[in-house]
Amino acid sequence: MVSLRTALFLALLIIVPLPRPANAQTAPSVEAVWDAYQQLDYEAATDAATAALRMPEQYSVAELAEFHTILGLITYSRNDEAEARSEFISALSLDPDLQLDSLLVSPKILRFFEDVRAELDQPREDPPAPSSSVRYVVVEDPRAEAALRSMLLPGWGQLHKGERRKGLVLLGAWSASAAGAAVTFFGRRSARQAYEDADTVGEAQDRYDPYNRWHQTHQAVLLGMAGVWLISYADALLARSPDVTSRPLSHVHLTPTASPGAVGVHLHVRF
């Protein structure tokens, strides 16, 4: 039978993060691409930004928006307004509140960028014309926050993900096991006190069996309590939330991403 100490040790193993493998290709930084752009080295900036967009899982949503913004600025400076518009659309699909720095770009580019934003914000009755731009749909993944909640209270994470029935079952099971642990704790303590207060060997032998049963029951309840916690935590961390869904589409690319304080996925759809 698995001991309580072993179960708790296995639970802790889940919390300890595994080291991430080293990237086979060095991911360009946003700062390096901006430096190349400001030094008018458009070729280097374009190559680095394009390479970064081929590995979106290495960057946050804000960083991907900046790469598209830089490509938009470069293509606009080369008088390719159609491509610049495409890049700005991609950037705004990632960050609708994106703003250009007036110290880095000209008023003409600012007007063009704001025209693209206004066009995207304007409601349309007719479907938009086909475009070569890559539009992003950012789907937030609640599993990281759900795992933290379930680590504090089993079932809470499932409720956070919208899995009401599962959350209530896990919360009820853990609450029942917690109440059982309290009852068996006091029952064991009372039986132990009676066993220690025995005046004769015969009384001690008679009182040992009830004490031992209380002790074994208490250990089993604690083990069950730890098991419910472990199941709840693992389910919140690994099970996909029912509201994070995808359906087969042409030109769809779904990749995970992580940034400080948040974990999510990028859904790339090319129209």
Protein backbone atom coordinates (compact mmCIF):
# COMPACT_ATOMS: atom_id res chain seq x y z
CA MET A 1 0.00 0.00 0.00
CA VAL A 2 1.32 3.47 -0.88
CA SER A 3 2.21 5.43 2.22
CA LEU A 4 1.07 8.98 2.88
CA ARG A 5 4.66 10.22 2.66
CA THR A 6 5.09 8.64 -0.77
CA ALA A 7 1.84 10.16 -2.05
CA LEU A 8 2.84 13.63 -0.88
CA PHE A 9 6.28 13.21 -2.46
CA LEU A 10 4.69 12.29 -5.80
CA ALA A 11 2.40 15.31 -5.53
CA LEU A 12 5.38 17.61 -5.01
CA LEU A 13 7.03 16.22 -8.14
CA ILE A 14 4.19 17.65 -10.21
CA ILE A 15 4.76 21.15 -8.83
CA VAL A 16 8.50 21.17 -9.59
CA PRO A 17 8.93 22.45 -13.17
CA LEU A 18 11.01 20.40 -15.56
CA PRO A 19 13.91 22.13 -17.32
CA ARG A 20 13.07 23.32 -20.80
CA PRO A 21 15.20 21.99 -23.64
CA ALA A 22 17.58 24.41 -25.25
CA ASN A 23 16.33 25.97 -28.45
CA ALA A 24 17.91 24.57 -31.57
CA GLN A 25 17.73 28.06 -33.12
CA THR A 26 18.46 31.31 -31.34
CA ALA A 27 15.34 33.44 -31.15
CA PRO A 28 15.95 37.09 -32.13
CA SER A 29 15.02 39.59 -29.46
CA VAL A 30 12.62 42.47 -29.98
CA GLU A 31 15.30 44.89 -28.82
CA ALA A 32 17.75 43.64 -31.44
CA VAL A 33 15.20 44.03 -34.23
CA TRP A 34 14.30 47.56 -33.09
CA ASP A 35 18.02 48.46 -32.95
CA ALA A 36 18.51 47.25 -36.52
CA TYR A 37 15.48 49.26 -37.65
CA GLN A 38 16.65 52.44 -35.94
CA GLN A 39 20.08 52.04 -37.54
CA LEU A 40 18.31 51.81 -40.93
CA ASP A 41 19.58 48.26 -41.42
CA TYR A 42 16.26 47.18 -42.90
CA GLU A 43 17.56 43.93 -44.33
CA ALA A 44 18.79 42.70 -40.95
CA ALA A 45 15.62 43.88 -39.21
CA THR A 46 13.41 42.19 -41.80
CA ASP A 47 15.33 38.92 -41.66
CA ALA A 48 15.29 38.85 -37.84
CA ALA A 49 11.59 39.75 -37.54
CA THR A 50 10.63 37.20 -40.19
CA ALA A 51 12.68 34.52 -38.44
CA ALA A 52 11.03 35.37 -35.13
CA LEU A 53 7.55 35.02 -36.61
CA ARG A 54 8.44 31.50 -37.72
CA MET A 55 8.79 30.51 -34.05
CA PRO A 56 5.84 32.26 -32.36
CA GLU A 57 5.92 29.90 -29.39
CA GLN A 58 9.09 31.65 -28.19
CA TYR A 59 7.42 35.05 -27.75
CA SER A 60 4.61 36.77 -25.95
CA VAL A 61 1.63 38.27 -27.74
CA ALA A 62 3.05 41.79 -27.30
CA GLU A 63 6.40 40.78 -28.81
CA LEU A 64 4.76 39.23 -31.86
CA ALA A 65 2.79 42.44 -32.35
CA GLU A 66 6.03 44.43 -32.27
CA PHE A 67 7.63 42.23 -34.93
CA HIS A 68 4.68 42.81 -37.25
CA THR A 69 4.81 46.53 -36.46
CA ILE A 70 8.48 46.75 -37.41
CA LEU A 71 7.82 44.90 -40.67
CA GLY A 72 4.95 47.29 -41.35
CA LEU A 73 7.19 50.31 -40.82
CA ILE A 74 9.87 48.89 -43.08
CA THR A 75 7.51 47.98 -45.90
CA TYR A 76 5.84 51.39 -45.70
CA SER A 77 9.21 53.10 -45.97
CA ARG A 78 9.75 51.06 -49.15
CA ASN A 79 6.47 52.45 -50.55
CA ASP A 80 4.73 49.08 -50.30
CA GLU A 81 1.53 50.26 -48.65
CA ALA A 82 -0.33 47.02 -49.34
CA GLU A 83 2.24 44.93 -47.45
CA ALA A 84 2.51 47.55 -44.70
CA ARG A 85 -1.25 47.44 -44.27
CA SER A 86 -1.08 43.65 -44.05
CA GLU A 87 1.57 43.78 -41.31
CA PHE A 88 -0.30 46.44 -39.34
CA ILE A 89 -3.49 44.35 -39.52
CA SER A 90 -1.57 41.40 -38.08
CA ALA A 91 -0.14 43.58 -35.31
CA LEU A 92 -3.54 45.04 -34.42
CA SER A 93 -5.15 41.59 -34.38
CA LEU A 94 -2.67 40.72 -31.62
CA ASP A 95 -2.87 44.04 -29.77
CA PRO A 96 -5.94 46.16 -30.64
CA ASP A 97 -4.64 48.95 -28.36
CA LEU A 98 -1.26 49.11 -30.09
CA GLN A 99 0.16 52.63 -30.43
CA LEU A 100 3.09 53.84 -32.52
CA ASP A 101 5.74 56.05 -30.94
CA SER A 102 5.55 59.49 -32.55
CA LEU A 103 9.26 59.95 -31.81
CA LEU A 104 10.18 56.97 -34.01
CA VAL A 105 7.76 57.32 -36.91
CA SER A 106 6.63 60.17 -39.11
CA PRO A 107 3.16 61.77 -38.94
CA LYS A 108 2.44 60.26 -42.37
CA ILE A 109 2.99 56.73 -41.07
CA LEU A 110 0.94 57.51 -37.97
CA ARG A 111 -2.00 58.61 -40.13
CA PHE A 112 -1.71 55.49 -42.27
CA PHE A 113 -1.59 53.27 -39.18
CA GLU A 114 -4.62 54.96 -37.62
CA ASP A 115 -6.50 54.63 -40.91
CA VAL A 116 -5.86 50.87 -40.81
CA ARG A 117 -7.10 50.75 -37.20
CA ALA A 118 -10.24 52.72 -38.08
CA GLU A 119 -10.92 50.41 -41.01
CA LEU A 120 -10.69 47.36 -38.75
CA ASP A 121 -12.92 48.94 -36.09
CA GLN A 122 -15.58 49.91 -38.58
CA PRO A 123 -18.44 47.36 -38.66
CA ARG A 124 -19.08 45.80 -42.05
CA GLU A 125 -22.28 44.36 -43.42
CA ASP A 126 -20.48 42.61 -46.28
CA PRO A 127 -17.70 40.07 -45.70
CA PRO A 128 -14.21 41.57 -46.07
CA ALA A 129 -12.33 41.05 -49.29
CA PRO A 130 -9.65 38.33 -49.23
CA SER A 131 -6.35 39.57 -47.83
CA SER A 132 -2.88 38.09 -47.54
CA SER A 133 -2.43 39.38 -44.00
CA VAL A 134 -2.10 37.00 -41.08
CA ARG A 135 -4.75 37.73 -38.49
CA TYR A 136 -4.31 36.28 -35.03
CA VAL A 137 -6.96 35.04 -32.64
CA VAL A 138 -5.48 34.88 -29.13
CA VAL A 139 -7.13 32.14 -27.08
CA GLU A 140 -6.36 32.42 -23.40
CA ASP A 141 -5.61 29.14 -21.67
CA PRO A 142 -6.92 29.17 -18.07
CA ARG A 143 -5.06 26.02 -17.00
CA ALA A 144 -2.16 27.76 -15.23
CA GLU A 145 -4.44 29.87 -13.04
CA ALA A 146 -6.78 26.91 -12.55
CA ALA A 147 -3.87 24.76 -11.37
CA LEU A 148 -2.91 27.40 -8.80
CA ARG A 149 -6.47 27.54 -7.52
CA SER A 150 -6.74 23.76 -7.29
CA MET A 151 -3.43 23.67 -5.46
CA LEU A 152 -5.02 25.86 -2.79
CA LEU A 153 -8.46 24.21 -2.78
CA PRO A 154 -9.29 21.08 -4.82
CA GLY A 155 -12.14 21.70 -7.26
CA TRP A 156 -11.66 25.47 -7.32
CA GLY A 157 -9.60 25.29 -10.51
CA GLN A 158 -12.26 23.22 -12.29
CA LEU A 159 -14.91 25.76 -11.29
CA HIS A 160 -12.65 28.51 -12.66
CA LYS A 161 -12.48 26.69 -16.01
CA GLY A 162 -16.25 26.36 -16.14
CA GLU A 163 -16.33 22.64 -15.29
CA ARG A 164 -18.98 23.05 -12.62
CA ARG A 165 -19.98 19.42 -12.14
CA LYS A 166 -16.40 18.17 -11.94
CA GLY A 167 -15.41 21.03 -9.65
CA LEU A 168 -18.28 20.39 -7.24
CA VAL A 169 -17.51 16.66 -7.14
CA LEU A 170 -13.83 17.25 -6.36
CA LEU A 171 -14.61 19.98 -3.86
CA GLY A 172 -17.20 17.78 -2.16
CA ALA A 173 -14.86 14.77 -2.06
CA TRP A 174 -12.03 16.81 -0.59
CA SER A 175 -14.35 18.49 1.94
CA ALA A 176 -15.73 15.12 3.01
CA SER A 177 -12.24 13.67 3.36
CA ALA A 178 -11.13 16.74 5.32
CA ALA A 179 -14.08 16.32 7.68
CA GLY A 180 -13.30 12.62 7.95
CA ALA A 181 -9.69 13.42 8.75
CA ALA A 182 -10.82 15.70 11.58
CA VAL A 183 -13.24 13.08 12.99
CA THR A 184 -10.72 10.27 12.82
CA PHE A 185 -8.02 12.48 14.33
CA PHE A 186 -10.05 13.18 17.44
CA GLY A 187 -11.30 9.59 17.57
CA ARG A 188 -7.73 8.30 17.39
CA ARG A 189 -6.60 10.74 20.06
CA SER A 190 -9.40 9.69 22.38
CA ALA A 191 -8.70 5.98 21.77
CA ARG A 192 -4.99 6.51 22.33
CA GLN A 193 -5.63 8.31 25.60
CA ALA A 194 -7.86 5.46 26.73
CA TYR A 195 -5.17 2.96 25.73
CA GLU A 196 -2.47 4.87 27.64
CA ASP A 197 -4.74 5.18 30.71
CA ALA A 198 -5.26 1.42 30.98
CA ASP A 199 -4.50 0.12 34.44
CA THR A 200 -3.84 -3.48 33.54
CA VAL A 201 -2.32 -5.40 30.67
CA GLY A 202 -5.70 -6.88 29.84
CA GLU A 203 -7.32 -3.47 29.59
CA ALA A 204 -4.44 -2.26 27.43
CA GLN A 205 -4.90 -5.20 25.06
CA ASP A 206 -8.64 -4.60 24.83
CA ARG A 207 -8.18 -0.89 24.13
CA TYR A 208 -5.36 -1.32 21.61
CA ASP A 209 -7.58 -2.70 18.84
CA PRO A 210 -9.97 0.33 18.81
CA TYR A 211 -6.99 2.66 18.89
CA ASN A 212 -5.33 0.80 16.01
CA ARG A 213 -8.54 0.90 13.94
CA TRP A 214 -8.85 4.64 14.48
CA HIS A 215 -5.20 5.05 13.51
CA GLN A 216 -5.51 2.98 10.32
CA THR A 217 -8.72 4.77 9.36
CA HIS A 218 -7.12 8.17 9.91
CA GLN A 219 -4.16 7.25 7.70
CA ALA A 220 -6.48 5.97 4.95
CA VAL A 221 -8.55 9.16 5.06
CA LEU A 222 -5.41 11.29 4.83
CA LEU A 223 -4.25 9.25 1.86
CA GLY A 224 -7.61 9.72 0.17
CA MET A 225 -7.48 13.43 0.91
CA ALA A 226 -4.05 13.67 -0.70
CA GLY A 227 -5.31 11.65 -3.68
CA VAL A 228 -8.23 14.01 -4.29
CA TRP A 229 -5.85 16.99 -4.11
CA LEU A 230 -3.46 15.33 -6.56
CA ILE A 231 -6.22 14.46 -9.02
CA SER A 232 -7.69 17.96 -8.84
CA TYR A 233 -4.33 19.65 -9.37
CA ALA A 234 -3.28 17.38 -12.25
CA ASP A 235 -6.66 17.72 -13.95
CA ALA A 236 -6.62 21.52 -13.66
CA LEU A 237 -3.09 21.67 -15.05
CA LEU A 238 -3.35 19.11 -17.86
CA ALA A 239 -6.99 18.82 -18.93
CA ARG A 240 -8.06 21.19 -21.67
CA SER A 241 -10.84 23.56 -20.73
CA PRO A 242 -14.09 22.90 -22.59
CA ASP A 243 -14.27 26.53 -23.73
CA VAL A 244 -10.87 26.34 -25.46
CA THR A 245 -11.89 24.67 -28.68
CA SER A 246 -10.71 24.60 -32.22
CA ARG A 247 -12.11 23.33 -35.47
CA PRO A 248 -10.37 22.30 -38.68
CA LEU A 249 -9.71 25.27 -40.96
CA SER A 250 -7.39 25.79 -43.87
CA HIS A 251 -4.23 27.75 -43.08
CA VAL A 252 -4.57 27.33 -39.32
CA HIS A 253 -1.60 27.09 -37.00
CA LEU A 254 -2.09 26.64 -33.23
CA THR A 255 0.93 27.05 -30.95
CA PRO A 256 1.33 27.42 -27.16
CA THR A 257 2.95 30.46 -25.59
CA ALA A 258 4.04 31.59 -22.15
CA SER A 259 4.74 35.01 -20.72
CA PRO A 260 5.20 36.32 -17.17
CA GLY A 261 1.98 35.66 -15.29
CA ALA A 262 0.11 34.05 -18.14
CA VAL A 263 -0.02 30.98 -20.30
CA GLY A 264 -1.93 30.82 -23.55
CA VAL A 265 -2.03 29.64 -27.13
CA HIS A 266 -1.79 31.46 -30.43
CA LEU A 267 -4.29 30.58 -33.13
CA HIS A 268 -2.95 31.81 -36.46
CA VAL A 269 -5.53 31.99 -39.23
CA ARG A 270 -4.59 33.16 -42.72
CA PHE A 271 -7.54 34.58 -44.63
